[in-house]
Amino acid sequence: MDLCPLHKRKIEIICIDCKERICSNCALFGPHKPHDIRMEQDVLDEINIRKECLMEMFQIDEQTAAEKPDLSMVESIGSQFKLKQSDLRSMLAQKFKEARNKLNT
């Protein structure tokens, strides 16, 4: 257990402004009175919550990066699609030509 060197009281508060651990007397009556102060456990809980959020964001980022297809693969699929599209148009044009010929005879 850490004790305040000035007041010999348990240090369980954090002065956010000064980034120091202090006792309740320092917080209420000392130089930290006008500062943003919080209970040490509350600060630790907030740090843990932020750490968990950052870890989740990091995992999502890694997962997203792993799921992104390779650019060369996307280009290859695009080329295959264009070839298939061209083949289908030619085949469709040929079928229409055959149908017209049958109707004209």
PDB file of N, CA and C in Angstrom:
ATOM      1  N   MET A   1       0.852  -1.178   0.000  1.00  0.00           N
ATOM      2  CA  MET A   1       0.000   0.000   0.000  1.00  0.00           C
ATOM      3  C   MET A   1       0.898   1.241   0.000  1.00  0.00           C
ATOM      4  N   ASP A   2       0.649   2.107  -0.990  1.00  0.00           N
ATOM      5  CA  ASP A   2       1.420   3.350  -1.097  1.00  0.00           C
ATOM      6  C   ASP A   2       0.788   4.420  -0.224  1.00  0.00           C
ATOM      7  N   LEU A   3       1.651   5.186   0.483  1.00  0.00           N
ATOM      8  CA  LEU A   3       1.178   6.284   1.328  1.00  0.00           C
ATOM      9  C   LEU A   3       1.677   7.619   0.780  1.00  0.00           C
ATOM     10  N   CYS A   4       0.850   8.626   0.921  1.00  0.00           N
ATOM     11  CA  CYS A   4       1.204   9.978   0.505  1.00  0.00           C
ATOM     12  C   CYS A   4       2.341  10.486   1.391  1.00  0.00           C
ATOM     13  N   PRO A   5       3.401  11.009   0.789  1.00  0.00           N
ATOM     14  CA  PRO A   5       4.514  11.513   1.595  1.00  0.00           C
ATOM     15  C   PRO A   5       4.138  12.741   2.434  1.00  0.00           C
ATOM     16  N   LEU A   6       3.117  13.501   1.991  1.00  0.00           N
ATOM     17  CA  LEU A   6       2.695  14.694   2.732  1.00  0.00           C
ATOM     18  C   LEU A   6       1.730  14.376   3.875  1.00  0.00           C
ATOM     19  N   HIS A   7       0.744  13.523   3.581  1.00  0.00           N
ATOM     20  CA  HIS A   7      -0.348  13.299   4.536  1.00  0.00           C
ATOM     21  C   HIS A   7      -0.349  11.920   5.168  1.00  0.00           C
ATOM     22  N   LYS A   8       0.526  11.050   4.720  1.00  0.00           N
ATOM     23  CA  LYS A   8       0.625   9.677   5.233  1.00  0.00           C
ATOM     24  C   LYS A   8      -0.713   8.941   5.105  1.00  0.00           C
ATOM     25  N   ARG A   9      -1.450   9.261   4.040  1.00  0.00           N
ATOM     26  CA  ARG A   9      -2.737   8.595   3.773  1.00  0.00           C
ATOM     27  C   ARG A   9      -2.575   7.711   2.547  1.00  0.00           C
ATOM     28  N   LYS A  10      -3.485   6.769   2.417  1.00  0.00           N
ATOM     29  CA  LYS A  10      -3.465   5.838   1.303  1.00  0.00           C
ATOM     30  C   LYS A  10      -3.638   6.581  -0.031  1.00  0.00           C
ATOM     31  N   ILE A  11      -2.789   6.251  -0.994  1.00  0.00           N
ATOM     32  CA  ILE A  11      -2.884   6.844  -2.328  1.00  0.00           C
ATOM     33  C   ILE A  11      -3.839   5.985  -3.148  1.00  0.00           C
ATOM     34  N   GLU A  12      -5.002   6.577  -3.490  1.00  0.00           N
ATOM     35  CA  GLU A  12      -6.003   5.829  -4.246  1.00  0.00           C
ATOM     36  C   GLU A  12      -6.736   6.703  -5.272  1.00  0.00           C
ATOM     37  N   ILE A  13      -6.196   7.890  -5.514  1.00  0.00           N
ATOM     38  CA  ILE A  13      -6.796   8.834  -6.457  1.00  0.00           C
ATOM     39  C   ILE A  13      -5.739   9.203  -7.487  1.00  0.00           C
ATOM     40  N   ILE A  14      -6.204   9.476  -8.695  1.00  0.00           N
ATOM     41  CA  ILE A  14      -5.292   9.923  -9.744  1.00  0.00           C
ATOM     42  C   ILE A  14      -5.697  11.322 -10.181  1.00  0.00           C
ATOM     43  N   CYS A  15      -4.718  12.218 -10.207  1.00  0.00           N
ATOM     44  CA  CYS A  15      -4.924  13.550 -10.754  1.00  0.00           C
ATOM     45  C   CYS A  15      -4.659  13.431 -12.249  1.00  0.00           C
ATOM     46  N   ILE A  16      -5.719  13.566 -13.029  1.00  0.00           N
ATOM     47  CA  ILE A  16      -5.605  13.425 -14.480  1.00  0.00           C
ATOM     48  C   ILE A  16      -4.754  14.562 -15.061  1.00  0.00           C
ATOM     49  N   ASP A  17      -4.925  15.763 -14.539  1.00  0.00           N
ATOM     50  CA  ASP A  17      -4.178  16.918 -15.052  1.00  0.00           C
ATOM     51  C   ASP A  17      -2.667  16.744 -14.884  1.00  0.00           C
ATOM     52  N   CYS A  18      -2.257  16.275 -13.710  1.00  0.00           N
ATOM     53  CA  CYS A  18      -0.827  16.129 -13.422  1.00  0.00           C
ATOM     54  C   CYS A  18      -0.299  14.724 -13.701  1.00  0.00           C
ATOM     55  N   LYS A  19      -1.217  13.798 -13.948  1.00  0.00           N
ATOM     56  CA  LYS A  19      -0.855  12.396 -14.185  1.00  0.00           C
ATOM     57  C   LYS A  19      -0.080  11.843 -12.989  1.00  0.00           C
ATOM     58  N   GLU A  20      -0.651  12.091 -11.797  1.00  0.00           N
ATOM     59  CA  GLU A  20      -0.022  11.645 -10.554  1.00  0.00           C
ATOM     60  C   GLU A  20      -1.021  10.892  -9.696  1.00  0.00           C
ATOM     61  N   ARG A  21      -0.496   9.956  -8.925  1.00  0.00           N
ATOM     62  CA  ARG A  21      -1.316   9.289  -7.922  1.00  0.00           C
ATOM     63  C   ARG A  21      -1.234  10.134  -6.649  1.00  0.00           C
ATOM     64  N   ILE A  22      -2.402  10.387  -6.041  1.00  0.00           N
ATOM     65  CA  ILE A  22      -2.463  11.249  -4.842  1.00  0.00           C
ATOM     66  C   ILE A  22      -3.422  10.661  -3.817  1.00  0.00           C
ATOM     67  N   CYS A  23      -3.405  11.261  -2.615  1.00  0.00           N
ATOM     68  CA  CYS A  23      -4.342  10.848  -1.566  1.00  0.00           C
ATOM     69  C   CYS A  23      -5.563  11.780  -1.582  1.00  0.00           C
ATOM     70  N   SER A  24      -6.560  11.446  -0.788  1.00  0.00           N
ATOM     71  CA  SER A  24      -7.782  12.256  -0.753  1.00  0.00           C
ATOM     72  C   SER A  24      -7.529  13.662  -0.209  1.00  0.00           C
ATOM     73  N   ASN A  25      -6.600  13.821   0.730  1.00  0.00           N
ATOM     74  CA  ASN A  25      -6.292  15.155   1.255  1.00  0.00           C
ATOM     75  C   ASN A  25      -5.670  16.042   0.183  1.00  0.00           C
ATOM     76  N   CYS A  26      -4.781  15.480  -0.617  1.00  0.00           N
ATOM     77  CA  CYS A  26      -4.190  16.246  -1.725  1.00  0.00           C
ATOM     78  C   CYS A  26      -5.283  16.681  -2.694  1.00  0.00           C
ATOM     79  N   ALA A  27      -6.259  15.798  -2.924  1.00  0.00           N
ATOM     80  CA  ALA A  27      -7.330  16.085  -3.872  1.00  0.00           C
ATOM     81  C   ALA A  27      -8.289  17.135  -3.341  1.00  0.00           C
ATOM     82  N   LEU A  28      -8.603  17.077  -2.041  1.00  0.00           N
ATOM     83  CA  LEU A  28      -9.606  17.979  -1.464  1.00  0.00           C
ATOM     84  C   LEU A  28      -9.036  19.298  -0.973  1.00  0.00           C
ATOM     85  N   PHE A  29      -7.824  19.261  -0.439  1.00  0.00           N
ATOM     86  CA  PHE A  29      -7.287  20.459   0.223  1.00  0.00           C
ATOM     87  C   PHE A  29      -5.947  20.933  -0.332  1.00  0.00           C
ATOM     88  N   GLY A  30      -5.310  20.118  -1.131  1.00  0.00           N
ATOM     89  CA  GLY A  30      -3.962  20.433  -1.609  1.00  0.00           C
ATOM     90  C   GLY A  30      -3.962  21.098  -2.965  1.00  0.00           C
ATOM     91  N   PRO A  31      -2.825  21.064  -3.605  1.00  0.00           N
ATOM     92  CA  PRO A  31      -2.656  21.750  -4.892  1.00  0.00           C
ATOM     93  C   PRO A  31      -3.478  21.124  -6.034  1.00  0.00           C
ATOM     94  N   HIS A  32      -4.009  19.923  -5.823  1.00  0.00           N
ATOM     95  CA  HIS A  32      -4.773  19.247  -6.874  1.00  0.00           C
ATOM     96  C   HIS A  32      -6.276  19.538  -6.790  1.00  0.00           C
ATOM     97  N   LYS A  33      -6.658  20.385  -5.825  1.00  0.00           N
ATOM     98  CA  LYS A  33      -8.083  20.680  -5.589  1.00  0.00           C
ATOM     99  C   LYS A  33      -8.830  21.114  -6.860  1.00  0.00           C
ATOM    100  N   PRO A  34      -8.304  22.005  -7.698  1.00  0.00           N
ATOM    101  CA  PRO A  34      -9.063  22.424  -8.895  1.00  0.00           C
ATOM    102  C   PRO A  34      -8.909  21.467 -10.088  1.00  0.00           C
ATOM    103  N   HIS A  35      -8.135  20.418  -9.925  1.00  0.00           N
ATOM    104  CA  HIS A  35      -7.824  19.528 -11.052  1.00  0.00           C
ATOM    105  C   HIS A  35      -8.888  18.454 -11.270  1.00  0.00           C
ATOM    106  N   ASP A  36      -8.801  17.809 -12.428  1.00  0.00           N
ATOM    107  CA  ASP A  36      -9.651  16.657 -12.759  1.00  0.00           C
ATOM    108  C   ASP A  36      -9.071  15.455 -12.024  1.00  0.00           C
ATOM    109  N   ILE A  37      -9.813  14.967 -11.025  1.00  0.00           N
ATOM    110  CA  ILE A  37      -9.335  13.830 -10.245  1.00  0.00           C
ATOM    111  C   ILE A  37     -10.328  12.679 -10.353  1.00  0.00           C
ATOM    112  N   ARG A  38      -9.790  11.458 -10.300  1.00  0.00           N
ATOM    113  CA  ARG A  38     -10.639  10.259 -10.387  1.00  0.00           C
ATOM    114  C   ARG A  38     -10.062   9.175  -9.494  1.00  0.00           C
ATOM    115  N   MET A  39     -10.946   8.298  -9.087  1.00  0.00           N
ATOM    116  CA  MET A  39     -10.500   7.169  -8.272  1.00  0.00           C
ATOM    117  C   MET A  39      -9.600   6.280  -9.134  1.00  0.00           C
ATOM    118  N   GLU A  40      -8.561   5.766  -8.519  1.00  0.00           N
ATOM    119  CA  GLU A  40      -7.585   4.959  -9.244  1.00  0.00           C
ATOM    120  C   GLU A  40      -8.254   3.764  -9.938  1.00  0.00           C
ATOM    121  N   GLN A  41      -9.169   3.102  -9.266  1.00  0.00           N
ATOM    122  CA  GLN A  41      -9.832   1.936  -9.847  1.00  0.00           C
ATOM    123  C   GLN A  41     -10.672   2.323 -11.071  1.00  0.00           C
ATOM    124  N   ASP A  42     -11.308   3.503 -11.018  1.00  0.00           N
ATOM    125  CA  ASP A  42     -12.086   3.972 -12.173  1.00  0.00           C
ATOM    126  C   ASP A  42     -11.186   4.198 -13.388  1.00  0.00           C
ATOM    127  N   VAL A  43     -10.009   4.765 -13.150  1.00  0.00           N
ATOM    128  CA  VAL A  43      -9.060   4.997 -14.235  1.00  0.00           C
ATOM    129  C   VAL A  43      -8.569   3.665 -14.800  1.00  0.00           C
ATOM    130  N   LEU A  44      -8.277   2.714 -13.926  1.00  0.00           N
ATOM    131  CA  LEU A  44      -7.834   1.398 -14.382  1.00  0.00           C
ATOM    132  C   LEU A  44      -8.935   0.697 -15.184  1.00  0.00           C
ATOM    133  N   ASP A  45     -10.170   0.817 -14.725  1.00  0.00           N
ATOM    134  CA  ASP A  45     -11.291   0.219 -15.458  1.00  0.00           C
ATOM    135  C   ASP A  45     -11.438   0.849 -16.842  1.00  0.00           C
ATOM    136  N   GLU A  46     -11.304   2.168 -16.906  1.00  0.00           N
ATOM    137  CA  GLU A  46     -11.406   2.864 -18.192  1.00  0.00           C
ATOM    138  C   GLU A  46     -10.270   2.452 -19.130  1.00  0.00           C
ATOM    139  N   ILE A  47      -9.081   2.300 -18.580  1.00  0.00           N
ATOM    140  CA  ILE A  47      -7.934   1.860 -19.395  1.00  0.00           C
ATOM    141  C   ILE A  47      -8.200   0.464 -19.949  1.00  0.00           C
ATOM    142  N   ASN A  48      -8.739  -0.419 -19.129  1.00  0.00           N
ATOM    143  CA  ASN A  48      -9.034  -1.783 -19.590  1.00  0.00           C
ATOM    144  C   ASN A  48     -10.108  -1.786 -20.675  1.00  0.00           C
ATOM    145  N   ILE A  49     -11.127  -0.961 -20.518  1.00  0.00           N
ATOM    146  CA  ILE A  49     -12.182  -0.867 -21.538  1.00  0.00           C
ATOM    147  C   ILE A  49     -11.598  -0.355 -22.849  1.00  0.00           C
ATOM    148  N   ARG A  50     -10.776   0.675 -22.764  1.00  0.00           N
ATOM    149  CA  ARG A  50     -10.156   1.220 -23.976  1.00  0.00           C
ATOM    150  C   ARG A  50      -9.233   0.189 -24.630  1.00  0.00           C
ATOM    151  N   LYS A  51      -8.503  -0.541 -23.807  1.00  0.00           N
ATOM    152  CA  LYS A  51      -7.608  -1.586 -24.332  1.00  0.00           C
ATOM    153  C   LYS A  51      -8.420  -2.641 -25.073  1.00  0.00           C
ATOM    154  N   GLU A  52      -9.541  -3.070 -24.507  1.00  0.00           N
ATOM    155  CA  GLU A  52     -10.393  -4.066 -25.159  1.00  0.00           C
ATOM    156  C   GLU A  52     -10.945  -3.535 -26.483  1.00  0.00           C
ATOM    157  N   CYS A  53     -11.368  -2.282 -26.492  1.00  0.00           N
ATOM    158  CA  CYS A  53     -11.873  -1.678 -27.731  1.00  0.00           C
ATOM    159  C   CYS A  53     -10.781  -1.628 -28.796  1.00  0.00           C
ATOM    160  N   LEU A  54      -9.577  -1.227 -28.412  1.00  0.00           N
ATOM    161  CA  LEU A  54      -8.465  -1.175 -29.358  1.00  0.00           C
ATOM    162  C   LEU A  54      -8.122  -2.566 -29.886  1.00  0.00           C
ATOM    163  N   MET A  55      -8.161  -3.569 -29.007  1.00  0.00           N
ATOM    164  CA  MET A  55      -7.886  -4.940 -29.435  1.00  0.00           C
ATOM    165  C   MET A  55      -8.940  -5.406 -30.435  1.00  0.00           C
ATOM    166  N   GLU A  56     -10.208  -5.104 -30.180  1.00  0.00           N
ATOM    167  CA  GLU A  56     -11.281  -5.479 -31.106  1.00  0.00           C
ATOM    168  C   GLU A  56     -11.094  -4.780 -32.445  1.00  0.00           C
ATOM    169  N   MET A  57     -10.754  -3.486 -32.399  1.00  0.00           N
ATOM    170  CA  MET A  57     -10.536  -2.741 -33.638  1.00  0.00           C
ATOM    171  C   MET A  57      -9.357  -3.320 -34.413  1.00  0.00           C
ATOM    172  N   PHE A  58      -8.299  -3.693 -33.711  1.00  0.00           N
ATOM    173  CA  PHE A  58      -7.126  -4.289 -34.346  1.00  0.00           C
ATOM    174  C   PHE A  58      -7.493  -5.618 -34.997  1.00  0.00           C
ATOM    175  N   GLN A  59      -8.282  -6.442 -34.292  1.00  0.00           N
ATOM    176  CA  GLN A  59      -8.691  -7.732 -34.847  1.00  0.00           C
ATOM    177  C   GLN A  59      -9.574  -7.542 -36.079  1.00  0.00           C
ATOM    178  N   ILE A  60     -10.488  -6.580 -36.033  1.00  0.00           N
ATOM    179  CA  ILE A  60     -11.343  -6.298 -37.185  1.00  0.00           C
ATOM    180  C   ILE A  60     -10.486  -5.836 -38.353  1.00  0.00           C
ATOM    181  N   ASP A  61      -9.496  -4.983 -38.086  1.00  0.00           N
ATOM    182  CA  ASP A  61      -8.608  -4.491 -39.129  1.00  0.00           C
ATOM    183  C   ASP A  61      -7.817  -5.642 -39.755  1.00  0.00           C
ATOM    184  N   GLU A  62      -7.285  -6.528 -38.923  1.00  0.00           N
ATOM    185  CA  GLU A  62      -6.541  -7.682 -39.433  1.00  0.00           C
ATOM    186  C   GLU A  62      -7.443  -8.590 -40.260  1.00  0.00           C
ATOM    187  N   GLN A  63      -8.653  -8.821 -39.767  1.00  0.00           N
ATOM    188  CA  GLN A  63      -9.603  -9.680 -40.464  1.00  0.00           C
ATOM    189  C   GLN A  63      -9.984  -9.080 -41.811  1.00  0.00           C
ATOM    190  N   THR A  64     -10.223  -7.780 -41.826  1.00  0.00           N
ATOM    191  CA  THR A  64     -10.582  -7.092 -43.064  1.00  0.00           C
ATOM    192  C   THR A  64      -9.433  -7.171 -44.067  1.00  0.00           C
ATOM    193  N   ALA A  65      -8.217  -6.971 -43.597  1.00  0.00           N
ATOM    194  CA  ALA A  65      -7.047  -7.037 -44.479  1.00  0.00           C
ATOM    195  C   ALA A  65      -6.890  -8.447 -45.051  1.00  0.00           C
ATOM    196  N   ALA A  66      -7.166  -9.458 -44.241  1.00  0.00           N
ATOM    197  CA  ALA A  66      -7.041 -10.843 -44.697  1.00  0.00           C
ATOM    198  C   ALA A  66      -8.116 -11.187 -45.724  1.00  0.00           C
ATOM    199  N   GLU A  67      -9.265 -10.540 -45.629  1.00  0.00           N
ATOM    200  CA  GLU A  67     -10.372 -10.839 -46.530  1.00  0.00           C
ATOM    201  C   GLU A  67     -10.291 -10.083 -47.847  1.00  0.00           C
ATOM    202  N   LYS A  68      -9.455  -9.073 -47.925  1.00  0.00           N
ATOM    203  CA  LYS A  68      -9.334  -8.305 -49.160  1.00  0.00           C
ATOM    204  C   LYS A  68      -8.700  -9.181 -50.232  1.00  0.00           C
ATOM    205  N   PRO A  69      -9.345  -9.271 -51.393  1.00  0.00           N
ATOM    206  CA  PRO A  69      -8.754 -10.081 -52.457  1.00  0.00           C
ATOM    207  C   PRO A  69      -7.527  -9.393 -53.043  1.00  0.00           C
ATOM    208  N   ASP A  70      -6.672 -10.194 -53.588  1.00  0.00           N
ATOM    209  CA  ASP A  70      -5.476  -9.700 -54.251  1.00  0.00           C
ATOM    210  C   ASP A  70      -5.892  -8.961 -55.523  1.00  0.00           C
ATOM    211  N   LEU A  71      -5.294  -7.824 -55.800  1.00  0.00           N
ATOM    212  CA  LEU A  71      -5.661  -7.008 -56.950  1.00  0.00           C
ATOM    213  C   LEU A  71      -5.506  -7.784 -58.258  1.00  0.00           C
ATOM    214  N   SER A  72      -4.471  -8.586 -58.374  1.00  0.00           N
ATOM    215  CA  SER A  72      -4.273  -9.363 -59.604  1.00  0.00           C
ATOM    216  C   SER A  72      -5.397 -10.379 -59.778  1.00  0.00           C
ATOM    217  N   MET A  73      -5.887 -10.925 -58.663  1.00  0.00           N
ATOM    218  CA  MET A  73      -7.001 -11.871 -58.736  1.00  0.00           C
ATOM    219  C   MET A  73      -8.271 -11.166 -59.216  1.00  0.00           C
ATOM    220  N   VAL A  74      -8.515  -9.965 -58.722  1.00  0.00           N
ATOM    221  CA  VAL A  74      -9.686  -9.192 -59.137  1.00  0.00           C
ATOM    222  C   VAL A  74      -9.595  -8.874 -60.632  1.00  0.00           C
ATOM    223  N   GLU A  75      -8.409  -8.474 -61.091  1.00  0.00           N
ATOM    224  CA  GLU A  75      -8.223  -8.173 -62.512  1.00  0.00           C
ATOM    225  C   GLU A  75      -8.442  -9.413 -63.370  1.00  0.00           C
ATOM    226  N   SER A  76      -7.979 -10.553 -62.904  1.00  0.00           N
ATOM    227  CA  SER A  76      -8.154 -11.809 -63.629  1.00  0.00           C
ATOM    228  C   SER A  76      -9.634 -12.178 -63.730  1.00  0.00           C
ATOM    229  N   ILE A  77     -10.358 -12.038 -62.646  1.00  0.00           N
ATOM    230  CA  ILE A  77     -11.793 -12.325 -62.653  1.00  0.00           C
ATOM    231  C   ILE A  77     -12.508 -11.364 -63.594  1.00  0.00           C
ATOM    232  N   GLY A  78     -12.117 -10.101 -63.592  1.00  0.00           N
ATOM    233  CA  GLY A  78     -12.708  -9.106 -64.489  1.00  0.00           C
ATOM    234  C   GLY A  78     -12.477  -9.470 -65.950  1.00  0.00           C
ATOM    235  N   SER A  79     -11.265  -9.922 -66.264  1.00  0.00           N
ATOM    236  CA  SER A  79     -10.956 -10.330 -67.636  1.00  0.00           C
ATOM    237  C   SER A  79     -11.780 -11.544 -68.044  1.00  0.00           C
ATOM    238  N   GLN A  80     -11.903 -12.499 -67.149  1.00  0.00           N
ATOM    239  CA  GLN A  80     -12.709 -13.693 -67.429  1.00  0.00           C
ATOM    240  C   GLN A  80     -14.166 -13.319 -67.654  1.00  0.00           C
ATOM    241  N   PHE A  81     -14.660 -12.389 -66.865  1.00  0.00           N
ATOM    242  CA  PHE A  81     -16.043 -11.936 -67.011  1.00  0.00           C
ATOM    243  C   PHE A  81     -16.260 -11.299 -68.382  1.00  0.00           C
ATOM    244  N   LYS A  82     -15.337 -10.447 -68.806  1.00  0.00           N
ATOM    245  CA  LYS A  82     -15.457  -9.780 -70.103  1.00  0.00           C
ATOM    246  C   LYS A  82     -15.427 -10.787 -71.251  1.00  0.00           C
ATOM    247  N   LEU A  83     -14.565 -11.797 -71.163  1.00  0.00           N
ATOM    248  CA  LEU A  83     -14.514 -12.836 -72.191  1.00  0.00           C
ATOM    249  C   LEU A  83     -15.821 -13.621 -72.259  1.00  0.00           C
ATOM    250  N   LYS A  84     -16.324 -13.976 -71.082  1.00  0.00           N
ATOM    251  CA  LYS A  84     -17.588 -14.726 -71.024  1.00  0.00           C
ATOM    252  C   LYS A  84     -18.725 -13.874 -71.591  1.00  0.00           C
ATOM    253  N   GLN A  85     -18.727 -12.589 -71.255  1.00  0.00           N
ATOM    254  CA  GLN A  85     -19.755 -11.677 -71.751  1.00  0.00           C
ATOM    255  C   GLN A  85     -19.711 -11.601 -73.283  1.00  0.00           C
ATOM    256  N   SER A  86     -18.521 -11.505 -73.826  1.00  0.00           N
ATOM    257  CA  SER A  86     -18.349 -11.439 -75.275  1.00  0.00           C
ATOM    258  C   SER A  86     -18.828 -12.737 -75.934  1.00  0.00           C
ATOM    259  N   ASP A  87     -18.455 -13.875 -75.365  1.00  0.00           N
ATOM    260  CA  ASP A  87     -18.890 -15.179 -75.893  1.00  0.00           C
ATOM    261  C   ASP A  87     -20.409 -15.296 -75.880  1.00  0.00           C
ATOM    262  N   LEU A  88     -21.027 -14.876 -74.781  1.00  0.00           N
ATOM    263  CA  LEU A  88     -22.487 -14.972 -74.668  1.00  0.00           C
ATOM    264  C   LEU A  88     -23.187 -14.062 -75.681  1.00  0.00           C
ATOM    265  N   ARG A  89     -22.647 -12.876 -75.911  1.00  0.00           N
ATOM    266  CA  ARG A  89     -23.237 -11.965 -76.906  1.00  0.00           C
ATOM    267  C   ARG A  89     -23.149 -12.570 -78.310  1.00  0.00           C
ATOM    268  N   SER A  90     -22.005 -13.152 -78.620  1.00  0.00           N
ATOM    269  CA  SER A  90     -21.838 -13.786 -79.941  1.00  0.00           C
ATOM    270  C   SER A  90     -22.802 -14.951 -80.097  1.00  0.00           C
ATOM    271  N   MET A  91     -22.897 -15.772 -79.058  1.00  0.00           N
ATOM    272  CA  MET A  91     -23.794 -16.913 -79.120  1.00  0.00           C
ATOM    273  C   MET A  91     -25.246 -16.457 -79.261  1.00  0.00           C
ATOM    274  N   LEU A  92     -25.643 -15.438 -78.531  1.00  0.00           N
ATOM    275  CA  LEU A  92     -27.007 -14.910 -78.599  1.00  0.00           C
ATOM    276  C   LEU A  92     -27.303 -14.337 -79.980  1.00  0.00           C
ATOM    277  N   ALA A  93     -26.346 -13.616 -80.547  1.00  0.00           N
ATOM    278  CA  ALA A  93     -26.517 -13.053 -81.888  1.00  0.00           C
ATOM    279  C   ALA A  93     -26.683 -14.181 -82.907  1.00  0.00           C
ATOM    280  N   GLN A  94     -25.905 -15.249 -82.778  1.00  0.00           N
ATOM    281  CA  GLN A  94     -26.006 -16.400 -83.686  1.00  0.00           C
ATOM    282  C   GLN A  94     -27.360 -17.074 -83.561  1.00  0.00           C
ATOM    283  N   LYS A  95     -27.871 -17.236 -82.326  1.00  0.00           N
ATOM    284  CA  LYS A  95     -29.180 -17.876 -82.110  1.00  0.00           C
ATOM    285  C   LYS A  95     -30.304 -17.025 -82.718  1.00  0.00           C
ATOM    286  N   PHE A  96     -30.215 -15.709 -82.575  1.00  0.00           N
ATOM    287  CA  PHE A  96     -31.223 -14.825 -83.174  1.00  0.00           C
ATOM    288  C   PHE A  96     -31.171 -14.916 -84.707  1.00  0.00           C
ATOM    289  N   LYS A  97     -29.955 -14.986 -85.238  1.00  0.00           N
ATOM    290  CA  LYS A  97     -29.790 -15.089 -86.699  1.00  0.00           C
ATOM    291  C   LYS A  97     -30.425 -16.385 -87.205  1.00  0.00           C
ATOM    292  N   GLU A  98     -30.194 -17.486 -86.478  1.00  0.00           N
ATOM    293  CA  GLU A  98     -30.777 -18.773 -86.859  1.00  0.00           C
ATOM    294  C   GLU A  98     -32.304 -18.726 -86.770  1.00  0.00           C
ATOM    295  N   ALA A  99     -32.823 -18.085 -85.720  1.00  0.00           N
ATOM    296  CA  ALA A  99     -34.277 -17.986 -85.549  1.00  0.00           C
ATOM    297  C   ALA A  99     -34.891 -17.162 -86.679  1.00  0.00           C
ATOM    298  N   ARG A 100     -34.263 -16.052 -87.068  1.00  0.00           N
ATOM    299  CA  ARG A 100     -34.760 -15.222 -88.172  1.00  0.00           C
ATOM    300  C   ARG A 100     -34.773 -15.998 -89.500  1.00  0.00           C
ATOM    301  N   ASN A 101     -33.712 -16.755 -89.697  1.00  0.00           N
ATOM    302  CA  ASN A 101     -33.621 -17.547 -90.928  1.00  0.00           C
ATOM    303  C   ASN A 101     -34.756 -18.568 -91.010  1.00  0.00           C
ATOM    304  N   LYS A 102     -35.079 -19.201 -89.899  1.00  0.00           N
ATOM    305  CA  LYS A 102     -36.170 -20.184 -89.848  1.00  0.00           C
ATOM    306  C   LYS A 102     -37.512 -19.502 -90.104  1.00  0.00           C
ATOM    307  N   LEU A 103     -37.685 -18.304 -89.556  1.00  0.00           N
ATOM    308  CA  LEU A 103     -38.951 -17.578 -89.738  1.00  0.00           C
ATOM    309  C   LEU A 103     -39.099 -17.100 -91.177  1.00  0.00           C
ATOM    310  N   ASN A 104     -38.021 -16.757 -91.847  1.00  0.00           N
ATOM    311  CA  ASN A 104     -38.052 -16.261 -93.217  1.00  0.00           C
ATOM    312  C   ASN A 104     -38.248 -17.386 -94.253  1.00  0.00           C
ATOM    313  N   THR A 105     -38.044 -18.621 -93.887  1.00  0.00           N
ATOM    314  CA  THR A 105     -38.165 -19.711 -94.854  1.00  0.00           C
ATOM    315  C   THR A 105     -39.517 -20.384 -94.810  1.00  0.00           C
TER     316      THR A 105
END
